[in-house]
Amino acid sequence: MKKNKVKGKEGGAQVVKIRPAKPRVSWRARLPAVGEWYRTARQFLREALQELRKVTWPERRETLGTTAIVLFLVVVISTFLGLVDFGLARLVKGFIR
């Protein structure tokens, strides 16, 4: 039951009004029917295929070029971060000693 607290005029006393609670509905009753799930799944797949037809897929040459750039940048950034980590570790060891 939900309670509403309301200030009354009887010297600041509080009056509590009780409202009846809403009836609980089981989780199974809230689920849509199996046929509705099937229709929504089919509609989703249909729309996904339509969107995939709109995609312009890259050619092999473009894919290899972007992959090479990504791999190069991974090596460069990991080397940089490794050197920074090594330098900071040496600095902290120097302060500890």
C-alpha atoms as a PDB file:
ATOM      1  CA  MET A   1       0.000   0.000   0.000  1.00  0.00           C
ATOM      2  CA  LYS A   2       1.249   3.458  -0.847  1.00  0.00           C
ATOM      3  CA  LYS A   3       1.083   6.122   1.820  1.00  0.00           C
ATOM      4  CA  ASN A   4       0.755   9.851   1.292  1.00  0.00           C
ATOM      5  CA  LYS A   5       1.791  12.029   4.185  1.00  0.00           C
ATOM      6  CA  VAL A   6      -0.245  15.212   4.400  1.00  0.00           C
ATOM      7  CA  LYS A   7       0.064  17.945   7.001  1.00  0.00           C
ATOM      8  CA  GLY A   8      -3.240  18.464   8.722  1.00  0.00           C
ATOM      9  CA  LYS A   9      -4.531  21.508  10.560  1.00  0.00           C
ATOM     10  CA  GLU A  10      -4.579  19.704  13.932  1.00  0.00           C
ATOM     11  CA  GLY A  11      -1.491  21.361  15.391  1.00  0.00           C
ATOM     12  CA  GLY A  12       0.981  20.097  12.788  1.00  0.00           C
ATOM     13  CA  ALA A  13      -0.004  16.438  13.120  1.00  0.00           C
ATOM     14  CA  GLN A  14       0.378  14.267  10.072  1.00  0.00           C
ATOM     15  CA  VAL A  15      -2.537  12.455   8.518  1.00  0.00           C
ATOM     16  CA  VAL A  16      -1.726   9.355   6.492  1.00  0.00           C
ATOM     17  CA  LYS A  17      -4.019   8.507   3.596  1.00  0.00           C
ATOM     18  CA  ILE A  18      -3.751   4.930   2.374  1.00  0.00           C
ATOM     19  CA  ARG A  19      -4.494   4.115  -1.241  1.00  0.00           C
ATOM     20  CA  PRO A  20      -5.120   0.571  -2.413  1.00  0.00           C
ATOM     21  CA  ALA A  21      -2.162  -0.970  -4.235  1.00  0.00           C
ATOM     22  CA  LYS A  22      -2.357  -1.827  -7.902  1.00  0.00           C
ATOM     23  CA  PRO A  23      -2.840  -5.543  -8.555  1.00  0.00           C
ATOM     24  CA  ARG A  24       0.366  -7.306  -9.517  1.00  0.00           C
ATOM     25  CA  VAL A  25       0.609  -8.778 -12.966  1.00  0.00           C
ATOM     26  CA  SER A  26       2.901 -11.762 -13.408  1.00  0.00           C
ATOM     27  CA  TRP A  27       5.867 -11.431 -15.727  1.00  0.00           C
ATOM     28  CA  ARG A  28       4.458 -14.152 -17.960  1.00  0.00           C
ATOM     29  CA  ALA A  29       1.274 -12.170 -18.513  1.00  0.00           C
ATOM     30  CA  ARG A  30       3.324  -9.158 -19.674  1.00  0.00           C
ATOM     31  CA  LEU A  31       5.184 -11.137 -22.338  1.00  0.00           C
ATOM     32  CA  PRO A  32       3.935 -10.808 -25.913  1.00  0.00           C
ATOM     33  CA  ALA A  33       2.582 -13.868 -27.667  1.00  0.00           C
ATOM     34  CA  VAL A  34       4.945 -16.144 -29.608  1.00  0.00           C
ATOM     35  CA  GLY A  35       3.344 -15.121 -32.897  1.00  0.00           C
ATOM     36  CA  GLU A  36       4.118 -11.482 -32.164  1.00  0.00           C
ATOM     37  CA  TRP A  37       7.764 -12.346 -31.456  1.00  0.00           C
ATOM     38  CA  TYR A  38       7.944 -14.191 -34.762  1.00  0.00           C
ATOM     39  CA  ARG A  39       6.496 -11.221 -36.683  1.00  0.00           C
ATOM     40  CA  THR A  40       8.833  -8.709 -35.033  1.00  0.00           C
ATOM     41  CA  ALA A  41      11.864 -10.962 -35.633  1.00  0.00           C
ATOM     42  CA  ARG A  42      10.973 -11.311 -39.325  1.00  0.00           C
ATOM     43  CA  GLN A  43      10.485  -7.557 -39.639  1.00  0.00           C
ATOM     44  CA  PHE A  44      13.859  -6.919 -37.951  1.00  0.00           C
ATOM     45  CA  LEU A  45      15.665  -9.314 -40.303  1.00  0.00           C
ATOM     46  CA  ARG A  46      13.949  -7.795 -43.343  1.00  0.00           C
ATOM     47  CA  GLU A  47      15.001  -4.277 -42.321  1.00  0.00           C
ATOM     48  CA  ALA A  48      18.553  -5.433 -41.540  1.00  0.00           C
ATOM     49  CA  LEU A  49      18.886  -6.912 -45.027  1.00  0.00           C
ATOM     50  CA  GLN A  50      17.615  -3.668 -46.557  1.00  0.00           C
ATOM     51  CA  GLU A  51      20.245  -1.711 -44.632  1.00  0.00           C
ATOM     52  CA  LEU A  52      23.011  -4.134 -45.661  1.00  0.00           C
ATOM     53  CA  ARG A  53      22.088  -3.603 -49.315  1.00  0.00           C
ATOM     54  CA  LYS A  54      22.724   0.140 -48.858  1.00  0.00           C
ATOM     55  CA  VAL A  55      26.266  -0.413 -47.534  1.00  0.00           C
ATOM     56  CA  THR A  56      29.168   0.304 -49.870  1.00  0.00           C
ATOM     57  CA  TRP A  57      31.696  -2.394 -49.078  1.00  0.00           C
ATOM     58  CA  PRO A  58      35.411  -1.548 -49.485  1.00  0.00           C
ATOM     59  CA  GLU A  59      37.510  -3.281 -52.111  1.00  0.00           C
ATOM     60  CA  ARG A  60      40.352  -5.623 -51.201  1.00  0.00           C
ATOM     61  CA  ARG A  61      42.991  -2.952 -51.851  1.00  0.00           C
ATOM     62  CA  GLU A  62      41.295  -0.452 -49.510  1.00  0.00           C
ATOM     63  CA  THR A  63      40.911  -3.099 -46.802  1.00  0.00           C
ATOM     64  CA  LEU A  64      44.583  -4.085 -46.968  1.00  0.00           C
ATOM     65  CA  GLY A  65      45.685  -0.433 -46.901  1.00  0.00           C
ATOM     66  CA  THR A  66      43.632   0.474 -43.840  1.00  0.00           C
ATOM     67  CA  THR A  67      44.711  -2.727 -42.081  1.00  0.00           C
ATOM     68  CA  ALA A  68      48.367  -1.858 -42.697  1.00  0.00           C
ATOM     69  CA  ILE A  69      47.844   1.654 -41.312  1.00  0.00           C
ATOM     70  CA  VAL A  70      46.145   0.291 -38.180  1.00  0.00           C
ATOM     71  CA  LEU A  71      48.921  -2.249 -37.563  1.00  0.00           C
ATOM     72  CA  PHE A  72      51.600   0.421 -38.045  1.00  0.00           C
ATOM     73  CA  LEU A  73      49.897   2.783 -35.601  1.00  0.00           C
ATOM     74  CA  VAL A  74      49.496  -0.010 -33.043  1.00  0.00           C
ATOM     75  CA  VAL A  75      53.236  -0.708 -33.181  1.00  0.00           C
ATOM     76  CA  VAL A  76      54.149   2.992 -32.934  1.00  0.00           C
ATOM     77  CA  ILE A  77      51.802   3.772 -30.053  1.00  0.00           C
ATOM     78  CA  SER A  78      52.694   0.620 -28.109  1.00  0.00           C
ATOM     79  CA  THR A  79      56.403   1.433 -28.487  1.00  0.00           C
ATOM     80  CA  PHE A  80      55.801   4.979 -27.256  1.00  0.00           C
ATOM     81  CA  LEU A  81      53.753   3.825 -24.275  1.00  0.00           C
ATOM     82  CA  GLY A  82      56.333   1.160 -23.454  1.00  0.00           C
ATOM     83  CA  LEU A  83      59.122   3.749 -23.406  1.00  0.00           C
ATOM     84  CA  VAL A  84      57.059   6.116 -21.242  1.00  0.00           C
ATOM     85  CA  ASP A  85      56.283   3.268 -18.830  1.00  0.00           C
ATOM     86  CA  PHE A  86      59.947   2.255 -18.687  1.00  0.00           C
ATOM     87  CA  GLY A  87      61.002   5.848 -18.009  1.00  0.00           C
ATOM     88  CA  LEU A  88      58.415   6.389 -15.292  1.00  0.00           C
ATOM     89  CA  ALA A  89      59.335   3.083 -13.641  1.00  0.00           C
ATOM     90  CA  ARG A  90      63.007   4.134 -13.536  1.00  0.00           C
ATOM     91  CA  LEU A  91      62.002   7.531 -12.123  1.00  0.00           C
ATOM     92  CA  VAL A  92      59.904   5.980  -9.353  1.00  0.00           C
ATOM     93  CA  LYS A  93      62.691   3.502  -8.493  1.00  0.00           C
ATOM     94  CA  GLY A  94      65.083   6.454  -8.250  1.00  0.00           C
ATOM     95  CA  PHE A  95      62.795   8.226  -5.763  1.00  0.00           C
ATOM     96  CA  ILE A  96      62.362   5.085  -3.674  1.00  0.00           C
ATOM     97  CA  ARG A  97      66.097   4.496  -3.269  1.00  0.00           C
END
